[in-house]
Amino acid sequence: MVVDASYVAAMLFPDEMSPESELASLKLLAPGLLHYELVNALKMTVKRKRFEERKAIGLLQDFIALPITYSNPPYNQVLGVAIEFDISAYDAAYVVLAKEKKVPLLTLDKKLESLAGH
């Protein structure tokens, strides 16, 4: 399954625990940009005083420990999907990867889930 930042954050952040599944028990795939999206989400939690920096660092370590395989989809396909569906290139990368691998996209964004086709 391809996993995006919204889903990972919901599973890692203690105040957003999703009851759907445990990430560590799934075979997960994501584009490399997931690292940066998660780091940015953690930065924002600190800036908004949602978590202390120490907690954000701990959550980052939890994220790094997740068994996620990283694969970047073809950039030309990402651009095409981003333009066609008027979504960010970041979101398009998850959609293209899910379509390319013919697996579901784990996301909290219903539009992206629909675009990925699962």
Protein backbone atom coordinates (compact mmCIF):
# COMPACT_ATOMS: atom_id res chain seq x y z
CA MET A 1 0.00 0.00 0.00
CA VAL A 2 1.13 3.54 -0.69
CA VAL A 3 0.88 5.77 2.37
CA ASP A 4 0.77 9.57 2.41
CA ALA A 5 1.73 12.12 5.04
CA SER A 6 -1.84 12.70 6.25
CA TYR A 7 -2.25 9.04 7.10
CA VAL A 8 1.16 8.68 8.72
CA ALA A 9 0.58 11.78 10.85
CA ALA A 10 -2.82 10.49 11.97
CA MET A 11 -1.23 7.24 13.07
CA LEU A 12 1.84 8.76 14.74
CA PHE A 13 0.46 11.84 16.45
CA PRO A 14 -1.05 10.80 19.79
CA ASP A 15 -3.91 13.30 19.55
CA GLU A 16 -4.91 12.02 16.09
CA MET A 17 -4.82 8.27 16.59
CA SER A 18 -6.74 6.64 13.80
CA PRO A 19 -8.41 3.34 14.68
CA GLU A 20 -7.97 1.93 11.18
CA SER A 21 -4.68 0.04 11.40
CA GLU A 22 -1.17 -0.07 12.74
CA LEU A 23 1.36 1.19 10.23
CA ALA A 24 4.13 -1.07 11.49
CA SER A 25 2.12 -4.16 10.53
CA LEU A 26 1.58 -3.10 6.90
CA LYS A 27 3.81 -3.36 3.84
CA LEU A 28 4.12 0.33 2.97
CA LEU A 29 5.45 2.28 0.01
CA ALA A 30 5.83 6.05 -0.42
CA PRO A 31 7.65 8.62 -2.52
CA GLY A 32 10.76 10.05 -0.87
CA LEU A 33 9.02 13.37 -0.29
CA LEU A 34 7.14 11.75 2.61
CA HIS A 35 10.17 12.44 4.83
CA TYR A 36 9.98 16.17 4.20
CA GLU A 37 6.21 16.35 4.54
CA LEU A 38 6.37 14.61 7.92
CA VAL A 39 9.24 16.80 9.13
CA ASN A 40 7.26 19.86 8.09
CA ALA A 41 4.14 18.60 9.86
CA LEU A 42 6.21 18.05 13.02
CA LYS A 43 7.69 21.54 12.73
CA MET A 44 4.19 22.98 12.54
CA THR A 45 3.11 21.07 15.65
CA VAL A 46 5.94 22.72 17.56
CA LYS A 47 5.26 26.20 16.14
CA ARG A 48 1.58 25.90 17.03
CA LYS A 49 2.54 24.66 20.51
CA ARG A 50 0.68 21.42 19.94
CA PHE A 51 3.77 19.40 20.93
CA GLU A 52 7.03 20.34 22.54
CA GLU A 53 10.14 19.97 20.41
CA ARG A 54 11.25 16.94 22.43
CA LYS A 55 7.96 15.19 21.61
CA ALA A 56 8.28 16.09 17.91
CA ILE A 57 11.80 14.60 17.84
CA GLY A 58 10.49 11.41 19.42
CA LEU A 59 7.70 11.19 16.84
CA LEU A 60 10.26 11.72 14.08
CA GLN A 61 12.24 8.77 15.42
CA ASP A 62 9.05 6.68 15.46
CA PHE A 63 8.45 7.66 11.84
CA ILE A 64 12.01 6.81 10.77
CA ALA A 65 11.60 3.37 12.34
CA LEU A 66 8.54 2.54 10.23
CA PRO A 67 9.18 -0.12 7.58
CA ILE A 68 8.42 2.04 4.54
CA THR A 69 9.98 1.37 1.15
CA TYR A 70 10.61 4.53 -0.85
CA SER A 71 10.13 4.81 -4.59
CA ASN A 72 9.78 7.95 -6.67
CA PRO A 73 7.27 7.80 -9.52
CA PRO A 74 8.13 9.21 -12.97
CA TYR A 75 8.16 13.01 -12.83
CA ASN A 76 6.43 13.42 -16.20
CA GLN A 77 3.50 11.34 -14.96
CA VAL A 78 3.38 13.32 -11.71
CA LEU A 79 3.22 16.55 -13.69
CA GLY A 80 0.48 15.20 -15.94
CA VAL A 81 -1.70 14.07 -13.03
CA ALA A 82 -1.11 17.33 -11.14
CA ILE A 83 -2.22 19.36 -14.15
CA GLU A 84 -5.14 17.11 -15.13
CA PHE A 85 -6.68 17.00 -11.66
CA ASP A 86 -5.47 20.40 -10.39
CA ILE A 87 -3.66 18.96 -7.37
CA SER A 88 -0.20 19.62 -6.00
CA ALA A 89 2.74 17.73 -7.43
CA TYR A 90 3.24 16.31 -3.94
CA ASP A 91 -0.25 14.81 -3.90
CA ALA A 92 0.11 13.66 -7.50
CA ALA A 93 3.26 11.72 -6.57
CA TYR A 94 1.26 9.55 -4.15
CA VAL A 95 -1.54 9.03 -6.69
CA VAL A 96 0.86 8.09 -9.50
CA LEU A 97 2.82 5.72 -7.27
CA ALA A 98 -0.36 3.93 -6.15
CA LYS A 99 -1.56 3.60 -9.75
CA GLU A 100 1.86 2.49 -10.97
CA LYS A 101 2.12 -0.24 -8.31
CA LYS A 102 -1.61 -1.10 -8.54
CA VAL A 103 -2.09 -0.82 -4.79
CA PRO A 104 -4.40 1.23 -2.55
CA LEU A 105 -3.43 4.70 -1.34
CA LEU A 106 -3.77 5.14 2.42
CA THR A 107 -4.74 8.77 2.85
CA LEU A 108 -7.21 10.86 4.80
CA ASP A 109 -7.88 12.88 1.62
CA LYS A 110 -10.93 11.36 -0.06
CA LYS A 111 -10.20 13.11 -3.37
CA LEU A 112 -6.72 11.58 -3.56
CA GLU A 113 -8.07 8.19 -2.54
CA SER A 114 -10.59 8.42 -5.38
CA LEU A 115 -7.98 9.54 -7.91
CA ALA A 116 -5.75 6.61 -6.97
CA GLY A 117 -8.62 4.31 -7.84
CA HIS A 118 -8.89 2.21 -4.71
